[in-house]
PDB file of N, CA and C in Angstrom:
ATOM      1  N   MET A   1       9.886   0.473  17.902  1.00  0.00           N
ATOM      2  CA  MET A   1       9.470   1.516  17.213  1.00  0.00           C
ATOM      3  C   MET A   1       8.134   1.035  16.351  1.00  0.00           C
ATOM      4  N   MET A   2       8.184   0.023  15.310  1.00  0.00           N
ATOM      5  CA  MET A   2       7.240  -0.293  15.003  1.00  0.00           C
ATOM      6  C   MET A   2       6.097  -0.788  15.907  1.00  0.00           C
ATOM      7  N   CYS A   3       6.484  -1.834  17.136  1.00  0.00           N
ATOM      8  CA  CYS A   3       5.275  -1.806  17.823  1.00  0.00           C
ATOM      9  C   CYS A   3       4.353  -0.887  18.492  1.00  0.00           C
ATOM     10  N   LEU A   4       5.390   0.112  18.946  1.00  0.00           N
ATOM     11  CA  LEU A   4       4.971   1.534  19.603  1.00  0.00           C
ATOM     12  C   LEU A   4       3.925   1.879  18.465  1.00  0.00           C
ATOM     13  N   LEU A   5       4.240   2.151  17.122  1.00  0.00           N
ATOM     14  CA  LEU A   5       3.357   2.695  15.944  1.00  0.00           C
ATOM     15  C   LEU A   5       1.756   1.690  16.143  1.00  0.00           C
ATOM     16  N   VAL A   6       2.216   0.607  15.856  1.00  0.00           N
ATOM     17  CA  VAL A   6       1.266  -0.101  15.671  1.00  0.00           C
ATOM     18  C   VAL A   6       0.115  -0.239  17.133  1.00  0.00           C
ATOM     19  N   GLU A   7       0.797  -0.608  17.996  1.00  0.00           N
ATOM     20  CA  GLU A   7      -0.067  -0.516  19.315  1.00  0.00           C
ATOM     21  C   GLU A   7      -0.634   0.686  19.664  1.00  0.00           C
ATOM     22  N   SER A   8      -0.019   1.872  19.446  1.00  0.00           N
ATOM     23  CA  SER A   8      -0.438   2.992  20.087  1.00  0.00           C
ATOM     24  C   SER A   8      -1.229   3.826  19.332  1.00  0.00           C
ATOM     25  N   TYR A   9      -0.706   3.973  17.920  1.00  0.00           N
ATOM     26  CA  TYR A   9      -1.147   4.954  17.253  1.00  0.00           C
ATOM     27  C   TYR A   9      -2.500   4.142  15.630  1.00  0.00           C
ATOM     28  N   LEU A  10      -2.152   3.121  15.806  1.00  0.00           N
ATOM     29  CA  LEU A  10      -3.274   2.571  14.648  1.00  0.00           C
ATOM     30  C   LEU A  10      -4.435   2.162  15.719  1.00  0.00           C
ATOM     31  N   PRO A  11      -5.736   2.304  14.532  1.00  0.00           N
ATOM     32  CA  PRO A  11      -6.672   1.461  15.183  1.00  0.00           C
ATOM     33  C   PRO A  11      -6.710   0.308  15.479  1.00  0.00           C
ATOM     34  N   PRO A  12      -7.128  -0.141  16.710  1.00  0.00           N
ATOM     35  CA  PRO A  12      -7.049  -1.855  17.095  1.00  0.00           C
ATOM     36  C   PRO A  12      -7.446  -2.749  15.727  1.00  0.00           C
ATOM     37  N   ASP A  13      -8.383  -2.178  15.178  1.00  0.00           N
ATOM     38  CA  ASP A  13      -8.497  -3.377  13.837  1.00  0.00           C
ATOM     39  C   ASP A  13      -7.782  -3.322  12.774  1.00  0.00           C
ATOM     40  N   PHE A  14      -7.048  -2.500  12.774  1.00  0.00           N
ATOM     41  CA  PHE A  14      -5.960  -2.160  11.491  1.00  0.00           C
ATOM     42  C   PHE A  14      -5.174  -3.763  11.359  1.00  0.00           C
ATOM     43  N   TYR A  15      -4.799  -4.239  12.254  1.00  0.00           N
ATOM     44  CA  TYR A  15      -4.129  -5.443  12.271  1.00  0.00           C
ATOM     45  C   TYR A  15      -4.879  -6.668  12.675  1.00  0.00           C
ATOM     46  N   VAL A  16      -5.897  -6.608  13.386  1.00  0.00           N
ATOM     47  CA  VAL A  16      -6.829  -7.953  13.786  1.00  0.00           C
ATOM     48  C   VAL A  16      -7.439  -8.361  12.971  1.00  0.00           C
ATOM     49  N   GLU A  17      -6.893  -9.677  12.167  1.00  0.00           N
ATOM     50  CA  GLU A  17      -7.332 -10.681  11.214  1.00  0.00           C
ATOM     51  C   GLU A  17      -7.283  -9.392   9.597  1.00  0.00           C
ATOM     52  N   MET A  18      -6.476  -8.445   9.629  1.00  0.00           N
ATOM     53  CA  MET A  18      -5.729  -7.284   8.691  1.00  0.00           C
ATOM     54  C   MET A  18      -7.145  -6.590   8.463  1.00  0.00           C
ATOM     55  N   TYR A  19      -8.065  -6.753   8.866  1.00  0.00           N
ATOM     56  CA  TYR A  19      -9.305  -6.305   8.525  1.00  0.00           C
ATOM     57  C   TYR A  19      -9.169  -4.488   7.882  1.00  0.00           C
ATOM     58  N   GLY A  20      -8.379  -3.976   8.810  1.00  0.00           N
ATOM     59  CA  GLY A  20      -8.123  -2.345   8.391  1.00  0.00           C
ATOM     60  C   GLY A  20      -6.910  -2.450   7.157  1.00  0.00           C
ATOM     61  N   ALA A  21      -6.156  -3.178   7.104  1.00  0.00           N
ATOM     62  CA  ALA A  21      -5.270  -3.256   5.640  1.00  0.00           C
ATOM     63  C   ALA A  21      -5.922  -3.401   4.577  1.00  0.00           C
ATOM     64  N   THR A  22      -6.588  -4.611   5.096  1.00  0.00           N
ATOM     65  CA  THR A  22      -7.310  -4.692   3.719  1.00  0.00           C
ATOM     66  C   THR A  22      -8.521  -4.249   3.115  1.00  0.00           C
ATOM     67  N   THR A  23      -9.153  -3.391   4.378  1.00  0.00           N
ATOM     68  CA  THR A  23     -10.156  -2.391   3.971  1.00  0.00           C
ATOM     69  C   THR A  23      -9.338  -1.205   2.805  1.00  0.00           C
ATOM     70  N   HIS A  24      -8.311  -0.687   3.428  1.00  0.00           N
ATOM     71  CA  HIS A  24      -7.483   0.116   3.148  1.00  0.00           C
ATOM     72  C   HIS A  24      -7.343  -0.310   1.468  1.00  0.00           C
ATOM     73  N   ALA A  25      -6.615  -1.212   1.186  1.00  0.00           N
ATOM     74  CA  ALA A  25      -6.600  -1.905   0.154  1.00  0.00           C
ATOM     75  C   ALA A  25      -7.647  -2.051  -0.888  1.00  0.00           C
ATOM     76  N   THR A  26      -8.778  -2.608   0.004  1.00  0.00           N
ATOM     77  CA  THR A  26      -9.632  -2.705  -1.640  1.00  0.00           C
ATOM     78  C   THR A  26     -10.708  -1.262  -1.692  1.00  0.00           C
ATOM     79  N   ILE A  27     -10.483  -0.407  -0.891  1.00  0.00           N
ATOM     80  CA  ILE A  27     -11.113   0.974  -1.274  1.00  0.00           C
ATOM     81  C   ILE A  27     -10.068   1.826  -2.205  1.00  0.00           C
ATOM     82  N   LEU A  28      -8.447   1.231  -2.040  1.00  0.00           N
ATOM     83  CA  LEU A  28      -7.479   1.672  -3.148  1.00  0.00           C
ATOM     84  C   LEU A  28      -8.086   1.038  -4.457  1.00  0.00           C
ATOM     85  N   LEU A  29      -7.974   0.159  -4.581  1.00  0.00           N
ATOM     86  CA  LEU A  29      -8.386  -0.720  -5.443  1.00  0.00           C
ATOM     87  C   LEU A  29      -9.916   0.123  -6.506  1.00  0.00           C
ATOM     88  N   LYS A  30     -10.833   0.159  -5.646  1.00  0.00           N
ATOM     89  CA  LYS A  30     -12.325   0.607  -6.089  1.00  0.00           C
ATOM     90  C   LYS A  30     -12.304   1.852  -6.803  1.00  0.00           C
ATOM     91  N   VAL A  31     -11.236   2.810  -6.139  1.00  0.00           N
ATOM     92  CA  VAL A  31     -11.122   4.465  -6.403  1.00  0.00           C
ATOM     93  C   VAL A  31      -9.812   4.363  -7.755  1.00  0.00           C
ATOM     94  N   PHE A  32      -8.999   2.939  -7.889  1.00  0.00           N
ATOM     95  CA  PHE A  32      -8.210   2.972  -9.125  1.00  0.00           C
ATOM     96  C   PHE A  32      -9.214   2.293 -10.476  1.00  0.00           C
ATOM     97  N   THR A  33     -10.084   1.618  -9.704  1.00  0.00           N
ATOM     98  CA  THR A  33     -10.986   1.310 -11.137  1.00  0.00           C
ATOM     99  C   THR A  33     -12.070   2.325 -11.452  1.00  0.00           C
ATOM    100  N   GLN A  34     -12.525   2.788 -10.338  1.00  0.00           N
ATOM    101  CA  GLN A  34     -13.501   3.963 -10.703  1.00  0.00           C
ATOM    102  C   GLN A  34     -13.367   4.908 -11.531  1.00  0.00           C
ATOM    103  N   TYR A  35     -11.737   5.600 -11.143  1.00  0.00           N
ATOM    104  CA  TYR A  35     -11.075   6.656 -12.081  1.00  0.00           C
ATOM    105  C   TYR A  35      -9.775   6.295 -13.025  1.00  0.00           C
ATOM    106  N   ASN A  36      -9.962   5.181 -13.648  1.00  0.00           N
ATOM    107  CA  ASN A  36      -9.293   4.615 -14.634  1.00  0.00           C
ATOM    108  C   ASN A  36      -7.892   4.794 -14.225  1.00  0.00           C
ATOM    109  N   ILE A  37      -7.317   4.842 -12.790  1.00  0.00           N
ATOM    110  CA  ILE A  37      -5.967   5.108 -12.456  1.00  0.00           C
ATOM    111  C   ILE A  37      -5.303   3.846 -12.862  1.00  0.00           C
ATOM    112  N   MET A  38      -4.240   3.894 -13.620  1.00  0.00           N
ATOM    113  CA  MET A  38      -3.284   2.902 -13.915  1.00  0.00           C
ATOM    114  C   MET A  38      -3.760   1.358 -14.295  1.00  0.00           C
ATOM    115  N   PRO A  39      -4.568   1.865 -15.712  1.00  0.00           N
ATOM    116  CA  PRO A  39      -5.346   0.617 -15.592  1.00  0.00           C
ATOM    117  C   PRO A  39      -4.683  -0.465 -16.492  1.00  0.00           C
ATOM    118  N   GLN A  40      -3.566  -0.449 -17.456  1.00  0.00           N
ATOM    119  CA  GLN A  40      -2.215  -1.127 -17.483  1.00  0.00           C
ATOM    120  C   GLN A  40      -1.760  -2.203 -16.320  1.00  0.00           C
ATOM    121  N   LEU A  41      -1.551  -1.559 -15.038  1.00  0.00           N
ATOM    122  CA  LEU A  41      -1.074  -2.024 -14.086  1.00  0.00           C
ATOM    123  C   LEU A  41      -1.582  -3.148 -13.400  1.00  0.00           C
ATOM    124  N   LEU A  42      -3.194  -2.416 -13.519  1.00  0.00           N
ATOM    125  CA  LEU A  42      -4.474  -3.347 -12.420  1.00  0.00           C
ATOM    126  C   LEU A  42      -4.484  -4.657 -13.704  1.00  0.00           C
ATOM    127  N   ALA A  43      -4.743  -4.375 -15.058  1.00  0.00           N
ATOM    128  CA  ALA A  43      -4.662  -5.639 -15.728  1.00  0.00           C
ATOM    129  C   ALA A  43      -3.332  -6.678 -16.054  1.00  0.00           C
ATOM    130  N   LYS A  44      -2.293  -6.100 -15.656  1.00  0.00           N
ATOM    131  CA  LYS A  44      -1.062  -6.947 -15.654  1.00  0.00           C
ATOM    132  C   LYS A  44      -1.069  -7.859 -14.191  1.00  0.00           C
ATOM    133  N   PHE A  45      -1.635  -7.188 -12.967  1.00  0.00           N
ATOM    134  CA  PHE A  45      -1.928  -7.875 -11.973  1.00  0.00           C
ATOM    135  C   PHE A  45      -2.513  -8.916 -11.981  1.00  0.00           C
ATOM    136  N   GLU A  46      -4.015  -8.476 -12.549  1.00  0.00           N
ATOM    137  CA  GLU A  46      -5.069  -9.520 -12.986  1.00  0.00           C
ATOM    138  C   GLU A  46      -4.537 -10.671 -14.097  1.00  0.00           C
ATOM    139  N   GLU A  47      -3.949 -10.281 -14.839  1.00  0.00           N
ATOM    140  CA  GLU A  47      -3.130 -11.530 -15.618  1.00  0.00           C
ATOM    141  C   GLU A  47      -2.249 -12.341 -15.129  1.00  0.00           C
ATOM    142  N   LEU A  48      -1.055 -11.358 -14.093  1.00  0.00           N
ATOM    143  CA  LEU A  48      -0.296 -12.619 -13.149  1.00  0.00           C
ATOM    144  C   LEU A  48      -1.052 -13.405 -12.217  1.00  0.00           C
ATOM    145  N   GLY A  49      -2.198 -13.082 -12.214  1.00  0.00           N
ATOM    146  CA  GLY A  49      -2.907 -13.860 -10.859  1.00  0.00           C
ATOM    147  C   GLY A  49      -2.708 -13.279  -9.432  1.00  0.00           C
ATOM    148  N   TYR A  50      -1.821 -12.249  -9.257  1.00  0.00           N
ATOM    149  CA  TYR A  50      -2.108 -11.670  -8.119  1.00  0.00           C
ATOM    150  C   TYR A  50      -2.678  -9.923  -7.907  1.00  0.00           C
ATOM    151  N   PRO A  51      -3.754 -10.700  -7.006  1.00  0.00           N
ATOM    152  CA  PRO A  51      -4.500  -9.560  -6.607  1.00  0.00           C
ATOM    153  C   PRO A  51      -3.525  -8.160  -6.061  1.00  0.00           C
ATOM    154  N   LEU A  52      -3.780  -7.337  -6.616  1.00  0.00           N
ATOM    155  CA  LEU A  52      -3.495  -5.922  -6.137  1.00  0.00           C
ATOM    156  C   LEU A  52      -3.689  -5.698  -4.620  1.00  0.00           C
ATOM    157  N   VAL A  53      -4.525  -6.432  -3.756  1.00  0.00           N
ATOM    158  CA  VAL A  53      -4.936  -6.040  -2.606  1.00  0.00           C
ATOM    159  C   VAL A  53      -3.988  -6.761  -2.042  1.00  0.00           C
ATOM    160  N   ASN A  54      -3.231  -7.814  -2.354  1.00  0.00           N
ATOM    161  CA  ASN A  54      -2.512  -8.385  -1.405  1.00  0.00           C
ATOM    162  C   ASN A  54      -1.020  -7.653  -1.533  1.00  0.00           C
ATOM    163  N   LEU A  55      -0.789  -6.979  -2.449  1.00  0.00           N
ATOM    164  CA  LEU A  55       0.525  -6.365  -2.496  1.00  0.00           C
ATOM    165  C   LEU A  55       0.240  -5.055  -1.518  1.00  0.00           C
ATOM    166  N   THR A  56      -0.657  -4.396  -1.720  1.00  0.00           N
ATOM    167  CA  THR A  56      -1.058  -2.988  -0.920  1.00  0.00           C
ATOM    168  C   THR A  56      -1.321  -3.275   0.518  1.00  0.00           C
ATOM    169  N   ALA A  57      -1.942  -4.523   0.863  1.00  0.00           N
ATOM    170  CA  ALA A  57      -2.304  -4.781   2.341  1.00  0.00           C
ATOM    171  C   ALA A  57      -0.945  -4.974   3.100  1.00  0.00           C
ATOM    172  N   ARG A  58      -0.229  -5.744   1.961  1.00  0.00           N
ATOM    173  CA  ARG A  58       1.469  -6.192   3.062  1.00  0.00           C
ATOM    174  C   ARG A  58       2.217  -4.752   2.805  1.00  0.00           C
ATOM    175  N   LEU A  59       2.033  -4.034   1.798  1.00  0.00           N
ATOM    176  CA  LEU A  59       2.434  -2.091   2.063  1.00  0.00           C
ATOM    177  C   LEU A  59       2.128  -1.743   3.548  1.00  0.00           C
ATOM    178  N   TYR A  60       0.609  -1.487   3.499  1.00  0.00           N
ATOM    179  CA  TYR A  60      -0.100  -1.402   4.647  1.00  0.00           C
ATOM    180  C   TYR A  60       0.377  -1.820   6.238  1.00  0.00           C
ATOM    181  N   LEU A  61       0.190  -3.297   6.214  1.00  0.00           N
ATOM    182  CA  LEU A  61       0.869  -3.671   7.390  1.00  0.00           C
ATOM    183  C   LEU A  61       2.208  -3.979   8.091  1.00  0.00           C
ATOM    184  N   SER A  62       3.025  -3.177   7.287  1.00  0.00           N
ATOM    185  CA  SER A  62       4.592  -2.496   7.360  1.00  0.00           C
ATOM    186  C   SER A  62       4.828  -1.106   7.607  1.00  0.00           C
ATOM    187  N   LEU A  63       3.654  -0.511   7.237  1.00  0.00           N
ATOM    188  CA  LEU A  63       4.068   0.913   7.283  1.00  0.00           C
ATOM    189  C   LEU A  63       4.858   1.275   6.100  1.00  0.00           C
ATOM    190  N   PHE A  64       5.053   0.282   4.894  1.00  0.00           N
ATOM    191  CA  PHE A  64       5.579   0.752   3.499  1.00  0.00           C
ATOM    192  C   PHE A  64       7.320   0.358   4.009  1.00  0.00           C
ATOM    193  N   SER A  65       7.687   0.180   5.520  1.00  0.00           N
ATOM    194  CA  SER A  65       8.826  -0.068   5.614  1.00  0.00           C
ATOM    195  C   SER A  65       9.205  -1.362   5.063  1.00  0.00           C
ATOM    196  N   HIS A  66       8.846  -2.486   5.163  1.00  0.00           N
ATOM    197  CA  HIS A  66       9.007  -3.209   4.619  1.00  0.00           C
ATOM    198  C   HIS A  66       9.827  -3.664   2.923  1.00  0.00           C
ATOM    199  N   THR A  67       9.022  -2.685   2.190  1.00  0.00           N
ATOM    200  CA  THR A  67       8.973  -2.282   0.691  1.00  0.00           C
ATOM    201  C   THR A  67      10.349  -1.512   0.491  1.00  0.00           C
ATOM    202  N   LEU A  68      10.115  -0.265   1.007  1.00  0.00           N
ATOM    203  CA  LEU A  68      10.811   0.980   0.813  1.00  0.00           C
ATOM    204  C   LEU A  68      12.131   0.900   1.443  1.00  0.00           C
ATOM    205  N   PRO A  69      13.120   1.752   0.678  1.00  0.00           N
ATOM    206  CA  PRO A  69      14.593   1.719   1.064  1.00  0.00           C
ATOM    207  C   PRO A  69      14.500   2.303   2.514  1.00  0.00           C
ATOM    208  N   GLU A  70      15.625   2.485   3.176  1.00  0.00           N
ATOM    209  CA  GLU A  70      15.355   2.587   4.442  1.00  0.00           C
ATOM    210  C   GLU A  70      15.177   4.329   4.755  1.00  0.00           C
ATOM    211  N   ASP A  71      15.678   4.999   3.906  1.00  0.00           N
ATOM    212  CA  ASP A  71      15.627   6.809   4.004  1.00  0.00           C
ATOM    213  C   ASP A  71      14.151   6.908   3.637  1.00  0.00           C
ATOM    214  N   ALA A  72      13.558   6.409   2.530  1.00  0.00           N
ATOM    215  CA  ALA A  72      12.450   6.460   2.004  1.00  0.00           C
ATOM    216  C   ALA A  72      11.245   6.354   3.175  1.00  0.00           C
ATOM    217  N   SER A  73      11.442   5.012   3.687  1.00  0.00           N
ATOM    218  CA  SER A  73      10.832   4.821   4.666  1.00  0.00           C
ATOM    219  C   SER A  73      10.864   5.462   6.070  1.00  0.00           C
ATOM    220  N   MET A  74      11.744   6.194   6.448  1.00  0.00           N
ATOM    221  CA  MET A  74      11.581   7.188   7.290  1.00  0.00           C
ATOM    222  C   MET A  74      10.988   8.355   7.029  1.00  0.00           C
ATOM    223  N   ARG A  75      10.951   8.629   5.770  1.00  0.00           N
ATOM    224  CA  ARG A  75      10.364   9.957   5.345  1.00  0.00           C
ATOM    225  C   ARG A  75       8.992   9.348   5.420  1.00  0.00           C
ATOM    226  N   VAL A  76       8.369   8.370   4.720  1.00  0.00           N
ATOM    227  CA  VAL A  76       6.915   7.955   5.329  1.00  0.00           C
ATOM    228  C   VAL A  76       6.308   8.016   6.517  1.00  0.00           C
ATOM    229  N   LEU A  77       7.342   7.506   7.573  1.00  0.00           N
ATOM    230  CA  LEU A  77       6.888   7.423   8.851  1.00  0.00           C
ATOM    231  C   LEU A  77       6.711   9.211   9.134  1.00  0.00           C
ATOM    232  N   ASP A  78       8.041  10.061   8.695  1.00  0.00           N
ATOM    233  CA  ASP A  78       7.657  11.453   9.175  1.00  0.00           C
ATOM    234  C   ASP A  78       6.428  11.972   8.667  1.00  0.00           C
ATOM    235  N   LEU A  79       5.823  11.473   7.605  1.00  0.00           N
ATOM    236  CA  LEU A  79       4.426  12.034   7.238  1.00  0.00           C
ATOM    237  C   LEU A  79       3.478  11.387   8.229  1.00  0.00           C
ATOM    238  N   PHE A  80       3.622  10.566   8.398  1.00  0.00           N
ATOM    239  CA  PHE A  80       2.373  10.122   9.428  1.00  0.00           C
ATOM    240  C   PHE A  80       2.660  10.915  10.390  1.00  0.00           C
ATOM    241  N   PHE A  81       3.658  11.217  11.021  1.00  0.00           N
ATOM    242  CA  PHE A  81       3.830  11.860  12.221  1.00  0.00           C
ATOM    243  C   PHE A  81       3.371  13.300  11.869  1.00  0.00           C
ATOM    244  N   LEU A  82       3.684  13.912  11.048  1.00  0.00           N
ATOM    245  CA  LEU A  82       3.273  15.189  10.435  1.00  0.00           C
ATOM    246  C   LEU A  82       1.765  15.366  10.368  1.00  0.00           C
ATOM    247  N   GLU A  83       1.430  14.590   9.616  1.00  0.00           N
ATOM    248  CA  GLU A  83      -0.373  14.711   8.957  1.00  0.00           C
ATOM    249  C   GLU A  83      -1.037  13.753   9.882  1.00  0.00           C
ATOM    250  N   GLY A  84      -0.514  12.891  10.612  1.00  0.00           N
ATOM    251  CA  GLY A  84      -1.549  12.118  11.527  1.00  0.00           C
ATOM    252  C   GLY A  84      -1.324  10.715  10.932  1.00  0.00           C
ATOM    253  N   ILE A  85      -1.507   9.887  12.091  1.00  0.00           N
ATOM    254  CA  ILE A  85      -1.065   8.238  11.739  1.00  0.00           C
ATOM    255  C   ILE A  85      -2.818   7.848  11.096  1.00  0.00           C
ATOM    256  N   HIS A  86      -3.610   8.707  11.244  1.00  0.00           N
ATOM    257  CA  HIS A  86      -4.773   8.025  10.856  1.00  0.00           C
ATOM    258  C   HIS A  86      -4.832   8.944   9.533  1.00  0.00           C
ATOM    259  N   SER A  87      -3.992   9.142   8.697  1.00  0.00           N
ATOM    260  CA  SER A  87      -4.251  10.031   7.715  1.00  0.00           C
ATOM    261  C   SER A  87      -4.515   9.157   6.602  1.00  0.00           C
ATOM    262  N   ASP A  88      -5.796   8.958   5.998  1.00  0.00           N
ATOM    263  CA  ASP A  88      -5.878   7.932   4.648  1.00  0.00           C
ATOM    264  C   ASP A  88      -5.244   8.712   3.531  1.00  0.00           C
ATOM    265  N   LYS A  89      -5.329   9.922   3.489  1.00  0.00           N
ATOM    266  CA  LYS A  89      -4.690  10.831   2.366  1.00  0.00           C
ATOM    267  C   LYS A  89      -3.066  10.430   2.318  1.00  0.00           C
ATOM    268  N   ILE A  90      -2.439  10.252   3.375  1.00  0.00           N
ATOM    269  CA  ILE A  90      -0.892   9.971   3.066  1.00  0.00           C
ATOM    270  C   ILE A  90      -0.861   8.393   2.890  1.00  0.00           C
ATOM    271  N   ILE A  91      -1.822   7.425   3.355  1.00  0.00           N
ATOM    272  CA  ILE A  91      -1.707   6.483   3.121  1.00  0.00           C
ATOM    273  C   ILE A  91      -1.937   5.938   1.630  1.00  0.00           C
ATOM    274  N   PHE A  92      -2.421   6.312   1.253  1.00  0.00           N
ATOM    275  CA  PHE A  92      -3.068   6.332  -0.583  1.00  0.00           C
ATOM    276  C   PHE A  92      -2.078   7.257  -1.328  1.00  0.00           C
ATOM    277  N   ASP A  93      -1.368   8.310  -0.836  1.00  0.00           N
ATOM    278  CA  ASP A  93      -0.534   9.237  -1.740  1.00  0.00           C
ATOM    279  C   ASP A  93       0.606   8.252  -1.757  1.00  0.00           C
ATOM    280  N   VAL A  94       1.061   7.849  -0.441  1.00  0.00           N
ATOM    281  CA  VAL A  94       2.416   7.025  -0.587  1.00  0.00           C
ATOM    282  C   VAL A  94       2.382   5.602  -1.701  1.00  0.00           C
ATOM    283  N   THR A  95       0.959   4.736  -1.387  1.00  0.00           N
ATOM    284  CA  THR A  95       0.713   4.036  -2.374  1.00  0.00           C
ATOM    285  C   THR A  95       1.036   4.012  -3.664  1.00  0.00           C
ATOM    286  N   LEU A  96       0.312   5.057  -4.235  1.00  0.00           N
ATOM    287  CA  LEU A  96       0.115   5.687  -5.268  1.00  0.00           C
ATOM    288  C   LEU A  96       1.755   5.826  -5.969  1.00  0.00           C
ATOM    289  N   GLY A  97       2.695   6.775  -5.128  1.00  0.00           N
ATOM    290  CA  GLY A  97       3.844   7.061  -5.531  1.00  0.00           C
ATOM    291  C   GLY A  97       4.585   5.770  -5.791  1.00  0.00           C
ATOM    292  N   TYR A  98       4.522   4.701  -4.745  1.00  0.00           N
ATOM    293  CA  TYR A  98       5.138   3.240  -4.728  1.00  0.00           C
ATOM    294  C   TYR A  98       4.858   2.383  -5.834  1.00  0.00           C
ATOM    295  N   LEU A  99       3.711   2.464  -6.415  1.00  0.00           N
ATOM    296  CA  LEU A  99       2.924   1.829  -7.656  1.00  0.00           C
ATOM    297  C   LEU A  99       3.541   2.488  -9.040  1.00  0.00           C
ATOM    298  N   ARG A 100       3.429   3.890  -8.784  1.00  0.00           N
ATOM    299  CA  ARG A 100       4.189   4.550  -9.984  1.00  0.00           C
ATOM    300  C   ARG A 100       5.372   3.997 -10.519  1.00  0.00           C
ATOM    301  N   SER A 101       5.955   4.065  -9.065  1.00  0.00           N
ATOM    302  CA  SER A 101       7.864   3.591  -9.171  1.00  0.00           C
ATOM    303  C   SER A 101       8.158   2.316  -9.950  1.00  0.00           C
ATOM    304  N   ILE A 102       7.087   1.315  -9.384  1.00  0.00           N
ATOM    305  CA  ILE A 102       7.245  -0.012  -9.968  1.00  0.00           C
ATOM    306  C   ILE A 102       6.529  -0.580 -11.112  1.00  0.00           C
ATOM    307  N   GLU A 103       5.749   0.573 -11.383  1.00  0.00           N
ATOM    308  CA  GLU A 103       4.801   0.137 -12.587  1.00  0.00           C
ATOM    309  C   GLU A 103       5.646  -0.428 -14.043  1.00  0.00           C
ATOM    310  N   SER A 104       6.701   0.062 -14.486  1.00  0.00           N
ATOM    311  CA  SER A 104       7.400  -0.569 -15.054  1.00  0.00           C
ATOM    312  C   SER A 104       7.971  -1.801 -15.619  1.00  0.00           C
ATOM    313  N   GLN A 105       8.373  -2.139 -14.267  1.00  0.00           N
ATOM    314  CA  GLN A 105       9.136  -3.178 -13.945  1.00  0.00           C
ATOM    315  C   GLN A 105       7.799  -4.662 -14.083  1.00  0.00           C
ATOM    316  N   VAL A 106       6.450  -4.048 -13.252  1.00  0.00           N
ATOM    317  CA  VAL A 106       5.446  -4.982 -12.957  1.00  0.00           C
ATOM    318  C   VAL A 106       4.737  -4.915 -14.537  1.00  0.00           C
ATOM    319  N   LEU A 107       4.788  -4.736 -15.332  1.00  0.00           N
ATOM    320  CA  LEU A 107       4.390  -4.631 -16.552  1.00  0.00           C
ATOM    321  C   LEU A 107       5.236  -5.149 -17.420  1.00  0.00           C
ATOM    322  N   GLN A 108       6.372  -5.419 -17.099  1.00  0.00           N
ATOM    323  CA  GLN A 108       7.341  -6.333 -17.824  1.00  0.00           C
ATOM    324  C   GLN A 108       7.625  -7.831 -17.641  1.00  0.00           C
ATOM    325  N   ALA A 109       7.147  -7.885 -16.061  1.00  0.00           N
ATOM    326  CA  ALA A 109       6.908  -9.110 -15.492  1.00  0.00           C
ATOM    327  C   ALA A 109       6.301 -10.316 -16.698  1.00  0.00           C
ATOM    328  N   GLU A 110       6.580 -11.283 -16.430  1.00  0.00           N
ATOM    329  CA  GLU A 110       6.188 -12.681 -16.956  1.00  0.00           C
ATOM    330  C   GLU A 110       5.670 -13.510 -15.924  1.00  0.00           C
ATOM    331  N   ASP A 111       4.861 -14.207 -16.406  1.00  0.00           N
ATOM    332  CA  ASP A 111       4.160 -15.346 -15.451  1.00  0.00           C
ATOM    333  C   ASP A 111       5.093 -16.266 -15.300  1.00  0.00           C
ATOM    334  N   GLN A 112       5.317 -17.209 -13.841  1.00  0.00           N
ATOM    335  CA  GLN A 112       6.555 -17.829 -14.021  1.00  0.00           C
ATOM    336  C   GLN A 112       5.936 -19.256 -14.025  1.00  0.00           C
ATOM    337  N   GLU A 113       4.723 -19.502 -14.049  1.00  0.00           N
ATOM    338  CA  GLU A 113       4.025 -20.918 -14.231  1.00  0.00           C
ATOM    339  C   GLU A 113       4.531 -22.145 -15.339  1.00  0.00           C
TER     340      GLU A 113
END
């Protein structure tokens, strides 16, 4: 199913050298910074030395299926089919929801160096 989605519905450049995924991740970071969305979370990712772009690109590459529980992952795929796989709104809304759900855990994280 994932291969069908990737090969048939996503833009060809989405996975080639991760151009599309990293572009979406970079846009999200710029929006978060510009509109001061979740500033503590962004600061914590910087403090830990883990760019938020790495996390969000990983989410996009698997269409959230790698990170979310199966039932939530299926709902996200339903949203893509309902709204259109090219809907940036769905990608950004789901990412925001996911980041809000892990925010308290990330803020409590310690650097393991």
